[in-house]
Amino acid sequence: MALGAFLYPTGHHAAAWRHPSAQADAGINFAHYAAVAKLAEEAKFDLLFLADSAGARGHDWNSLSRFATHYVAQFEPLTLLAALATVTSRIGLVATASTTYNEPYTLARKFASIDHISGGRAGWNLVTSGNEEEAYNFGLDAHPPHAERYARATEFAAVVRALWDSWEDDAFPRDKASGIFLDPAKMHPPNHAGERFKVRGPLNIPRPPQGWPVLVQAGSSEAGQELAAATAEVVFTAQQTLAEAQAFYRGLKERLPRYGRHADEVKILPGIFPVVGATEAEAQAKFDELQELIHPSVGLTILEHRLGVSLSHLPIDGPLPEAVDEINASKSRQTLMLDLARREGLSIRQLALRVAGARGHWQVVGTPEQIADAMEERFREGAADGFNVMPPTLPGGLEDFARMVVPELRARGLVRADYEGATLRDHLGLARPADRAGRAQHPSAAV
């Protein structure tokens, strides 16, 4: 199974930054990120994953925002990846960048650069932006509608891939004797003129070592799954139950043939929030300690954001409202929250505490054997190709997983003992897309 290390600065629990072992300034502490990246590489994780939002959340800057840690006081992720590339040598490096608030040429150039700097370890997590407040930073008064964001994302991804194919793999001989630096015949400007973008090209950097950096996608809505089926090579997702995970896995894989793709061309990695202890009691004590650190306002604020509704006027120990309007941000996460509350009969307070922990992802609290059992079941039962591991705290939560769970998975033959390749595509078993000339000669090799 593939393993990603999802690095939220101090950890994924909402109160992680308050934990005694946490590096409170982790978001702007490069030594912290470097140490955590090296730890994940030593454990032979496939990749590091960085989320992002191009804006701070919160309308009322004088009240609840003072407790916020979500996308506030953190490095810009592509800048951080470039730095992490210099202190690691094998682990993949994946960062989030929005198609709603970027331009294809700039983004294609940045990820191509990181792929060259890292020797072929870059990946792009394509998102359409779930934070509606990003709009205010880019000259807009409102977030574009969900359908429009995904239509833009589809064309955006096509332009980026064409830009990465601006040059054939051997377009730059750099022959000092003849004085020939590049071969113009091996240049292929996209000359794209579509509904939303007009981009001539070519990209002013050679083709990336991986051909294309690995394309990652995290949307689980209907539009998100369709975009993933068309473009993604890795899909991050969130499901609570085995049946839900199996249904998502099967449904996404069944979409692939419509785009001329095979099931093994896409790796599905659900998020897992593991709290590990030598015993069940120790694991539960670790989790309870974190839950007790949640500020009363924080869980409710996170829940309101996920649901897209105000709840402060309702009894905290009462149920959610019967009707909740569909939001224009992360539709799939809203649905997951509503289903969880209704399935388990959770009050607003109980749901807020659940969300503040794993933020809607699959939460497993237990011994290394119990966590390995749970992961193995989903892996073997057609629910996952691996997992995006979301440590509750950093570095401690990742240390616990690497020290206790990874050896258990390795003993079962479920994860690698060592890296066998040099690139992220090698780690994930993904084919390298041929260049323009290669695809012209071998059309079946097209990606």
Protein backbone atom coordinates (compact mmCIF):
# COMPACT_ATOMS: atom_id res chain seq x y z
CA MET A 1 0.00 0.00 0.00
CA ALA A 2 1.09 3.56 -0.68
CA LEU A 3 1.62 5.92 2.25
CA GLY A 4 1.44 9.70 2.23
CA ALA A 5 2.46 11.86 5.19
CA PHE A 6 0.00 14.75 5.34
CA LEU A 7 1.93 17.52 7.11
CA TYR A 8 -0.38 20.01 8.74
CA PRO A 9 2.10 22.22 10.73
CA THR A 10 1.53 21.10 14.33
CA GLY A 11 -0.67 18.11 13.46
CA HIS A 12 -4.23 17.57 12.28
CA HIS A 13 -6.04 17.83 15.56
CA ALA A 14 -7.55 21.30 16.00
CA ALA A 15 -5.84 21.66 19.39
CA ALA A 16 -2.50 20.13 18.35
CA TRP A 17 -0.65 23.43 18.67
CA ARG A 18 -1.58 23.56 22.38
CA HIS A 19 -0.10 20.14 23.13
CA PRO A 20 2.98 20.30 25.39
CA SER A 21 5.14 18.51 22.79
CA ALA A 22 4.06 20.71 19.86
CA GLN A 23 6.25 23.23 18.09
CA ALA A 24 3.76 26.11 18.29
CA ASP A 25 5.44 28.12 15.50
CA ALA A 26 5.74 25.03 13.26
CA GLY A 27 4.07 26.73 10.29
CA ILE A 28 7.05 29.04 9.82
CA ASN A 29 9.76 26.84 11.32
CA PHE A 30 11.75 25.22 8.52
CA ALA A 31 13.87 23.12 10.90
CA HIS A 32 10.60 21.53 12.10
CA TYR A 33 9.47 20.68 8.56
CA ALA A 34 12.91 19.37 7.62
CA ALA A 35 12.99 17.04 10.63
CA VAL A 36 9.49 15.72 9.95
CA ALA A 37 10.27 15.21 6.24
CA LYS A 38 13.39 13.23 7.10
CA LEU A 39 11.40 11.13 9.58
CA ALA A 40 8.85 10.24 6.88
CA GLU A 41 11.62 9.44 4.41
CA GLU A 42 13.37 7.18 6.92
CA ALA A 43 10.07 5.30 7.29
CA LYS A 44 9.93 4.97 3.45
CA PHE A 45 6.70 6.91 2.94
CA ASP A 46 5.86 7.45 -0.71
CA LEU A 47 5.22 11.17 -0.37
CA LEU A 48 4.80 14.26 1.75
CA PHE A 49 1.59 16.18 1.21
CA LEU A 50 0.96 19.87 1.92
CA ALA A 51 -2.51 21.41 1.85
CA ASP A 52 -3.07 25.11 1.26
CA SER A 53 -5.53 27.95 0.99
CA ALA A 54 -4.82 31.33 -0.60
CA GLY A 55 -6.48 33.22 2.20
CA ALA A 56 -7.09 33.32 5.94
CA ARG A 57 -10.51 32.25 7.12
CA GLY A 58 -12.84 34.30 9.30
CA HIS A 59 -15.14 37.28 8.94
CA ASP A 60 -14.83 38.57 12.50
CA TRP A 61 -11.14 39.22 13.07
CA ASN A 62 -11.69 40.43 16.63
CA SER A 63 -13.26 37.32 18.11
CA LEU A 64 -13.00 33.65 17.15
CA SER A 65 -10.14 34.13 14.70
CA ARG A 66 -7.65 34.53 17.54
CA PHE A 67 -7.96 30.78 18.14
CA ALA A 68 -7.53 29.85 14.47
CA THR A 69 -4.67 27.77 13.14
CA HIS A 70 -6.18 26.84 9.76
CA TYR A 71 -4.08 28.33 6.94
CA VAL A 72 -2.80 31.16 9.11
CA ALA A 73 0.92 31.74 9.80
CA GLN A 74 2.22 29.08 7.41
CA PHE A 75 4.71 28.89 4.56
CA GLU A 76 3.52 29.02 0.96
CA PRO A 77 3.69 25.30 0.03
CA LEU A 78 5.58 25.38 -3.29
CA THR A 79 8.31 27.49 -1.71
CA LEU A 80 8.46 25.01 1.16
CA LEU A 81 8.62 22.01 -1.21
CA ALA A 82 11.60 23.50 -3.04
CA ALA A 83 13.41 23.86 0.28
CA LEU A 84 12.46 20.35 1.43
CA ALA A 85 13.80 18.96 -1.84
CA THR A 86 17.28 19.97 -0.70
CA VAL A 87 17.13 18.09 2.62
CA THR A 88 15.52 14.87 1.27
CA SER A 89 16.54 12.57 -1.57
CA ARG A 90 13.82 9.98 -2.21
CA ILE A 91 10.42 10.88 -0.78
CA GLY A 92 7.82 12.44 -3.08
CA LEU A 93 6.84 16.08 -2.62
CA VAL A 94 3.21 17.04 -3.23
CA ALA A 95 1.71 20.50 -2.76
CA THR A 96 -1.72 22.00 -3.23
CA ALA A 97 -2.40 24.78 -5.73
CA SER A 98 -5.77 26.09 -6.85
CA THR A 99 -6.95 26.26 -10.45
CA THR A 100 -9.41 28.98 -9.43
CA TYR A 101 -6.82 31.49 -8.25
CA ASN A 102 -3.78 30.71 -10.39
CA GLU A 103 -2.84 30.80 -14.07
CA PRO A 104 -1.75 27.67 -15.99
CA TYR A 105 1.58 28.99 -17.28
CA THR A 106 2.85 30.14 -13.89
CA LEU A 107 1.77 26.96 -12.14
CA ALA A 108 3.19 24.66 -14.84
CA ARG A 109 6.53 26.44 -14.60
CA LYS A 110 6.69 26.22 -10.80
CA PHE A 111 5.91 22.51 -10.60
CA ALA A 112 8.30 21.73 -13.48
CA SER A 113 10.98 23.61 -11.57
CA ILE A 114 10.35 21.62 -8.38
CA ASP A 115 10.43 18.38 -10.36
CA HIS A 116 13.86 19.32 -11.74
CA ILE A 117 15.16 20.53 -8.36
CA SER A 118 14.04 17.30 -6.65
CA GLY A 119 15.14 14.91 -9.39
CA GLY A 120 11.60 13.85 -10.29
CA ARG A 121 9.72 13.82 -6.99
CA ALA A 122 7.08 16.53 -7.47
CA GLY A 123 3.30 16.21 -7.43
CA TRP A 124 0.51 18.76 -7.86
CA ASN A 125 -2.64 18.46 -5.75
CA LEU A 126 -5.18 20.15 -8.00
CA VAL A 127 -7.98 21.86 -6.07
CA THR A 128 -10.71 24.31 -7.04
CA SER A 129 -10.57 26.07 -3.61
CA GLY A 130 -12.89 25.20 -0.75
CA ASN A 131 -12.28 28.46 1.12
CA GLU A 132 -14.79 30.96 -0.24
CA GLU A 133 -12.87 33.86 1.28
CA GLU A 134 -9.99 33.38 -1.16
CA ALA A 135 -12.10 35.32 -3.66
CA TYR A 136 -11.51 38.59 -1.78
CA ASN A 137 -7.77 38.37 -2.40
CA PHE A 138 -8.11 38.11 -6.19
CA GLY A 139 -10.37 40.97 -7.13
CA LEU A 140 -13.65 39.09 -6.69
CA ASP A 141 -16.63 39.76 -4.45
CA ALA A 142 -17.75 36.13 -4.39
CA HIS A 143 -16.41 32.62 -4.94
CA PRO A 144 -17.20 31.33 -8.46
CA PRO A 145 -19.97 28.70 -8.52
CA HIS A 146 -18.99 25.08 -7.93
CA ALA A 147 -19.74 23.96 -11.51
CA GLU A 148 -17.80 26.87 -13.00
CA ARG A 149 -14.77 26.15 -10.80
CA TYR A 150 -14.66 22.55 -12.02
CA ALA A 151 -15.13 23.53 -15.67
CA ARG A 152 -12.19 25.92 -15.30
CA ALA A 153 -10.15 23.21 -13.56
CA THR A 154 -10.67 20.77 -16.44
CA GLU A 155 -9.34 23.20 -19.04
CA PHE A 156 -6.62 24.41 -16.65
CA ALA A 157 -5.26 20.87 -16.22
CA ALA A 158 -5.23 20.30 -19.98
CA VAL A 159 -3.24 23.49 -20.54
CA VAL A 160 -0.72 22.60 -17.81
CA ARG A 161 -0.11 19.15 -19.30
CA ALA A 162 0.37 20.68 -22.75
CA LEU A 163 2.86 23.15 -21.31
CA TRP A 164 4.83 20.35 -19.64
CA ASP A 165 4.95 18.79 -23.12
CA SER A 166 6.31 22.01 -24.68
CA TRP A 167 9.62 20.27 -25.33
CA GLU A 168 10.54 16.70 -26.18
CA ASP A 169 12.74 14.94 -23.65
CA ASP A 170 15.93 15.44 -25.72
CA ALA A 171 15.19 18.96 -26.97
CA PHE A 172 18.20 20.49 -25.23
CA PRO A 173 21.47 18.89 -26.46
CA ARG A 174 23.59 21.79 -25.08
CA ASP A 175 26.40 20.72 -27.43
CA LYS A 176 29.34 23.04 -26.77
CA ALA A 177 31.31 21.79 -29.78
CA SER A 178 28.59 22.58 -32.33
CA GLY A 179 27.17 25.55 -30.47
CA ILE A 180 23.67 24.02 -30.51
CA PHE A 181 21.88 24.63 -27.23
CA LEU A 182 18.38 23.51 -28.25
CA ASP A 183 16.62 21.86 -31.16
CA PRO A 184 13.65 24.02 -32.26
CA ALA A 185 12.15 21.07 -34.13
CA LYS A 186 11.52 19.45 -30.76
CA MET A 187 9.58 22.43 -29.43
CA HIS A 188 5.78 22.13 -29.31
CA PRO A 189 4.02 25.31 -28.13
CA PRO A 190 0.49 24.46 -27.01
CA ASN A 191 -1.09 27.42 -28.84
CA HIS A 192 -4.12 26.85 -26.64
CA ALA A 193 -7.19 29.00 -27.27
CA GLY A 194 -10.09 27.73 -25.19
CA GLU A 195 -13.16 29.02 -23.45
CA ARG A 196 -11.27 30.26 -20.38
CA PHE A 197 -7.58 30.37 -21.30
CA LYS A 198 -5.43 31.55 -24.15
CA VAL A 199 -1.85 30.33 -23.76
CA ARG A 200 0.70 30.23 -26.57
CA GLY A 201 3.74 28.71 -24.83
CA PRO A 202 6.21 27.07 -24.91
CA LEU A 203 7.15 26.68 -21.27
CA ASN A 204 10.55 28.23 -20.58
CA ILE A 205 11.95 25.19 -18.78
CA PRO A 206 12.72 21.72 -20.20
CA ARG A 207 10.27 18.84 -19.83
CA PRO A 208 10.10 17.65 -16.19
CA PRO A 209 12.08 14.51 -15.25
CA GLN A 210 8.81 12.64 -14.64
CA GLY A 211 7.36 13.87 -17.92
CA TRP A 212 4.58 15.37 -15.83
CA PRO A 213 4.71 15.83 -12.06
CA VAL A 214 2.21 13.40 -10.54
CA LEU A 215 -1.33 14.77 -10.76
CA VAL A 216 -3.23 14.55 -7.48
CA GLN A 217 -6.87 15.47 -6.84
CA ALA A 218 -8.92 15.63 -3.66
CA GLY A 219 -12.52 16.40 -4.63
CA SER A 220 -15.14 13.75 -3.86
CA SER A 221 -18.25 15.49 -5.17
CA GLU A 222 -19.76 14.32 -8.45
CA ALA A 223 -17.85 17.01 -10.35
CA GLY A 224 -14.71 16.23 -8.35
CA GLN A 225 -14.87 12.53 -9.15
CA GLU A 226 -15.36 13.24 -12.83
CA LEU A 227 -12.34 15.55 -12.87
CA ALA A 228 -10.33 12.91 -11.01
CA ALA A 229 -11.33 10.21 -13.48
CA ALA A 230 -10.18 12.41 -16.36
CA THR A 231 -6.95 13.79 -14.91
CA ALA A 232 -5.83 12.43 -11.53
CA GLU A 233 -3.20 9.80 -10.82
CA VAL A 234 -3.62 9.94 -7.05
CA VAL A 235 -6.91 10.73 -5.30
CA PHE A 236 -7.14 11.78 -1.66
CA THR A 237 -10.58 11.30 -0.15
CA ALA A 238 -12.50 10.96 3.12
CA GLN A 239 -14.92 8.21 4.07
CA GLN A 240 -16.04 7.07 7.50
CA THR A 241 -17.14 3.47 6.92
CA LEU A 242 -15.79 0.52 4.97
CA ALA A 243 -18.93 0.40 2.83
CA GLU A 244 -18.66 4.11 1.96
CA ALA A 245 -14.98 3.71 1.11
CA GLN A 246 -15.68 0.67 -1.08
CA ALA A 247 -18.47 2.49 -2.91
CA PHE A 248 -16.25 5.50 -3.62
CA TYR A 249 -13.33 3.31 -4.70
CA ARG A 250 -15.47 1.21 -7.02
CA GLY A 251 -17.36 4.19 -8.42
CA LEU A 252 -14.23 6.16 -9.29
CA LYS A 253 -12.42 3.21 -10.84
CA GLU A 254 -15.50 2.44 -12.96
CA ARG A 255 -15.40 5.95 -14.44
CA LEU A 256 -11.86 5.54 -15.79
CA PRO A 257 -12.62 3.57 -19.01
CA ARG A 258 -14.71 6.51 -20.27
CA TYR A 259 -11.44 8.42 -20.46
CA GLY A 260 -9.42 5.57 -21.93
CA ARG A 261 -7.79 4.80 -18.60
CA HIS A 262 -7.19 1.64 -16.57
CA ALA A 263 -7.82 1.01 -12.87
CA ASP A 264 -4.11 0.84 -12.02
CA GLU A 265 -3.52 4.34 -13.42
CA VAL A 266 -5.16 5.94 -10.38
CA LYS A 267 -4.21 5.33 -6.75
CA ILE A 268 -6.92 6.09 -4.19
CA LEU A 269 -5.54 7.15 -0.78
CA PRO A 270 -8.20 7.91 1.86
CA GLY A 271 -7.16 10.00 4.84
CA ILE A 272 -6.57 8.24 8.15
CA PHE A 273 -6.17 10.01 11.51
CA PRO A 274 -4.30 7.45 13.67
CA VAL A 275 -3.83 7.82 17.41
CA VAL A 276 -1.35 5.10 18.40
CA GLY A 277 -0.61 3.68 21.82
CA ALA A 278 1.18 0.59 23.12
CA THR A 279 -2.20 -0.35 24.61
CA GLU A 280 -5.78 0.67 23.85
CA ALA A 281 -5.88 2.59 27.12
CA GLU A 282 -2.73 4.53 26.24
CA ALA A 283 -4.07 5.41 22.79
CA GLN A 284 -7.39 6.57 24.24
CA ALA A 285 -5.58 8.64 26.86
CA LYS A 286 -3.59 10.40 24.14
CA PHE A 287 -6.76 11.19 22.25
CA ASP A 288 -8.64 12.34 25.35
CA GLU A 289 -5.76 14.67 26.24
CA LEU A 290 -6.07 16.35 22.84
CA GLN A 291 -9.86 16.59 23.03
CA GLU A 292 -9.59 18.37 26.38
CA LEU A 293 -7.42 21.04 24.75
CA ILE A 294 -10.09 22.09 22.26
CA HIS A 295 -11.23 25.63 22.99
CA PRO A 296 -15.05 25.73 23.31
CA SER A 297 -15.38 28.05 20.32
CA VAL A 298 -13.01 26.26 17.98
CA GLY A 299 -14.90 23.04 17.31
CA LEU A 300 -18.11 24.94 16.60
CA THR A 301 -16.33 27.33 14.24
CA ILE A 302 -14.77 24.47 12.28
CA LEU A 303 -18.11 22.69 12.06
CA GLU A 304 -19.88 25.83 10.85
CA HIS A 305 -17.27 26.25 8.15
CA ARG A 306 -17.60 22.63 7.01
CA LEU A 307 -21.39 22.82 6.92
CA GLY A 308 -21.61 26.36 5.58
CA VAL A 309 -24.27 27.37 8.14
CA SER A 310 -24.41 29.30 11.40
CA LEU A 311 -25.14 27.13 14.44
CA SER A 312 -24.41 29.52 17.32
CA HIS A 313 -28.10 30.35 17.76
CA LEU A 314 -29.01 26.68 18.32
CA PRO A 315 -28.74 24.64 21.56
CA ILE A 316 -25.21 23.19 21.60
CA ASP A 317 -26.49 19.86 22.93
CA GLY A 318 -29.35 19.70 20.45
CA PRO A 319 -29.40 18.18 16.95
CA LEU A 320 -28.40 19.79 13.68
CA PRO A 321 -31.19 21.56 11.81
CA GLU A 322 -33.32 19.26 9.68
CA ALA A 323 -32.53 21.13 6.47
CA VAL A 324 -29.07 22.43 5.54
CA ASP A 325 -28.58 24.25 2.25
CA GLU A 326 -25.96 22.90 -0.16
CA ILE A 327 -22.80 24.98 -0.03
CA ASN A 328 -20.62 26.45 -2.78
CA ALA A 329 -17.39 25.17 -1.26
CA SER A 330 -16.57 21.52 -0.36
CA LYS A 331 -19.85 19.76 -1.12
CA SER A 332 -18.53 16.26 -0.42
CA ARG A 333 -17.25 17.18 3.06
CA GLN A 334 -20.57 18.81 3.95
CA THR A 335 -22.39 15.61 2.95
CA LEU A 336 -19.98 13.48 4.98
CA MET A 337 -20.59 15.60 8.12
CA LEU A 338 -24.36 15.46 7.76
CA ASP A 339 -24.35 11.70 7.16
CA LEU A 340 -22.11 11.12 10.20
CA ALA A 341 -24.34 13.17 12.51
CA ARG A 342 -27.52 11.45 11.34
CA ARG A 343 -26.06 7.94 11.33
CA GLU A 344 -24.75 8.21 14.91
CA GLY A 345 -27.37 10.61 16.30
CA LEU A 346 -24.76 13.21 17.26
CA SER A 347 -25.59 16.55 18.86
CA ILE A 348 -23.98 19.75 17.60
CA ARG A 349 -21.43 19.58 20.44
CA GLN A 350 -20.59 15.92 19.74
CA LEU A 351 -20.22 16.49 16.03
CA ALA A 352 -18.08 19.58 16.62
CA LEU A 353 -15.71 17.55 18.81
CA ARG A 354 -15.51 14.80 16.17
CA VAL A 355 -14.76 17.29 13.41
CA ALA A 356 -12.13 19.09 15.47
CA GLY A 357 -10.22 15.84 15.78
CA ALA A 358 -9.96 14.24 12.36
CA ARG A 359 -11.73 17.04 10.41
CA GLY A 360 -14.08 14.52 8.84
CA HIS A 361 -11.50 11.85 8.03
CA TRP A 362 -11.40 8.26 9.22
CA GLN A 363 -10.28 8.21 12.85
CA VAL A 364 -8.65 5.12 14.37
CA VAL A 365 -7.55 5.06 18.01
CA GLY A 366 -5.73 1.93 19.14
CA THR A 367 -2.64 -0.25 19.24
CA PRO A 368 -0.28 -0.69 16.27
CA GLU A 369 -1.88 -4.06 15.56
CA GLN A 370 -5.41 -2.63 15.65
CA ILE A 371 -4.53 0.24 13.34
CA ALA A 372 -2.70 -2.12 10.96
CA ASP A 373 -5.72 -4.45 11.01
CA ALA A 374 -8.04 -1.58 10.06
CA MET A 375 -5.78 -0.38 7.26
CA GLU A 376 -5.24 -3.90 5.93
CA GLU A 377 -8.98 -4.55 5.83
CA ARG A 378 -9.66 -1.50 3.68
CA PHE A 379 -6.66 -2.21 1.48
CA ARG A 380 -7.61 -5.84 0.85
CA GLU A 381 -11.37 -5.26 0.62
CA GLY A 382 -11.31 -2.87 -2.33
CA ALA A 383 -11.55 0.41 -0.42
CA ALA A 384 -8.03 1.88 -0.77
CA ASP A 385 -4.72 1.62 -2.61
CA GLY A 386 -3.01 3.16 0.41
CA PHE A 387 -3.54 5.98 2.86
CA ASN A 388 -2.76 9.62 3.44
CA VAL A 389 -1.66 9.51 7.08
CA MET A 390 -2.80 12.52 9.10
CA PRO A 391 -0.82 12.58 12.37
CA PRO A 392 -2.81 14.15 15.22
CA THR A 393 0.31 15.97 16.41
CA LEU A 394 3.71 16.68 14.90
CA PRO A 395 6.29 15.43 15.30
CA GLY A 396 4.96 13.04 17.96
CA GLY A 397 2.02 11.57 16.04
CA LEU A 398 4.18 10.79 13.02
CA GLU A 399 6.91 9.35 15.22
CA ASP A 400 4.35 7.02 16.84
CA PHE A 401 3.09 5.85 13.45
CA ALA A 402 6.59 5.41 11.97
CA ARG A 403 7.96 3.65 15.05
CA MET A 404 5.00 1.38 15.81
CA VAL A 405 2.59 1.00 12.89
CA VAL A 406 4.99 0.97 9.92
CA PRO A 407 6.98 -2.03 11.28
CA GLU A 408 3.69 -3.90 11.78
CA LEU A 409 2.61 -3.15 8.21
CA ARG A 410 6.05 -4.13 6.95
CA ALA A 411 5.94 -7.44 8.82
CA ARG A 412 2.70 -8.20 6.97
CA GLY A 413 4.27 -7.38 3.60
CA LEU A 414 2.01 -4.38 3.10
CA VAL A 415 4.64 -1.61 2.75
CA ARG A 416 8.12 -1.47 1.30
CA ALA A 417 11.31 -2.17 3.19
CA ASP A 418 13.22 0.35 1.07
CA TYR A 419 12.78 2.58 -1.95
CA GLU A 420 13.25 0.77 -5.25
CA GLY A 421 13.13 3.78 -7.58
CA ALA A 422 14.14 7.42 -7.63
CA THR A 423 10.97 9.27 -8.63
CA LEU A 424 7.51 9.65 -7.15
CA ARG A 425 6.13 7.79 -10.17
CA ASP A 426 8.50 4.93 -9.36
CA HIS A 427 7.25 4.78 -5.77
CA LEU A 428 3.60 4.71 -6.81
CA GLY A 429 3.99 2.40 -9.79
CA LEU A 430 2.74 5.04 -12.22
CA ALA A 431 3.93 5.12 -15.84
CA ARG A 432 5.91 8.08 -17.10
CA PRO A 433 3.92 9.82 -19.86
CA ALA A 434 5.74 9.81 -23.19
CA ASP A 435 6.69 13.10 -24.80
CA ARG A 436 5.00 14.43 -27.94
CA ALA A 437 7.24 12.45 -30.31
CA GLY A 438 6.82 9.26 -28.29
CA ARG A 439 3.05 9.55 -28.27
CA ALA A 440 2.99 10.26 -32.02
CA GLN A 441 4.97 7.06 -32.66
CA HIS A 442 3.08 5.00 -30.07
CA PRO A 443 -0.46 6.37 -29.68
CA SER A 444 -1.37 3.66 -27.19
CA ALA A 445 1.18 5.19 -24.78
CA ALA A 446 -0.81 8.40 -24.53
CA VAL A 447 -1.78 9.42 -20.99
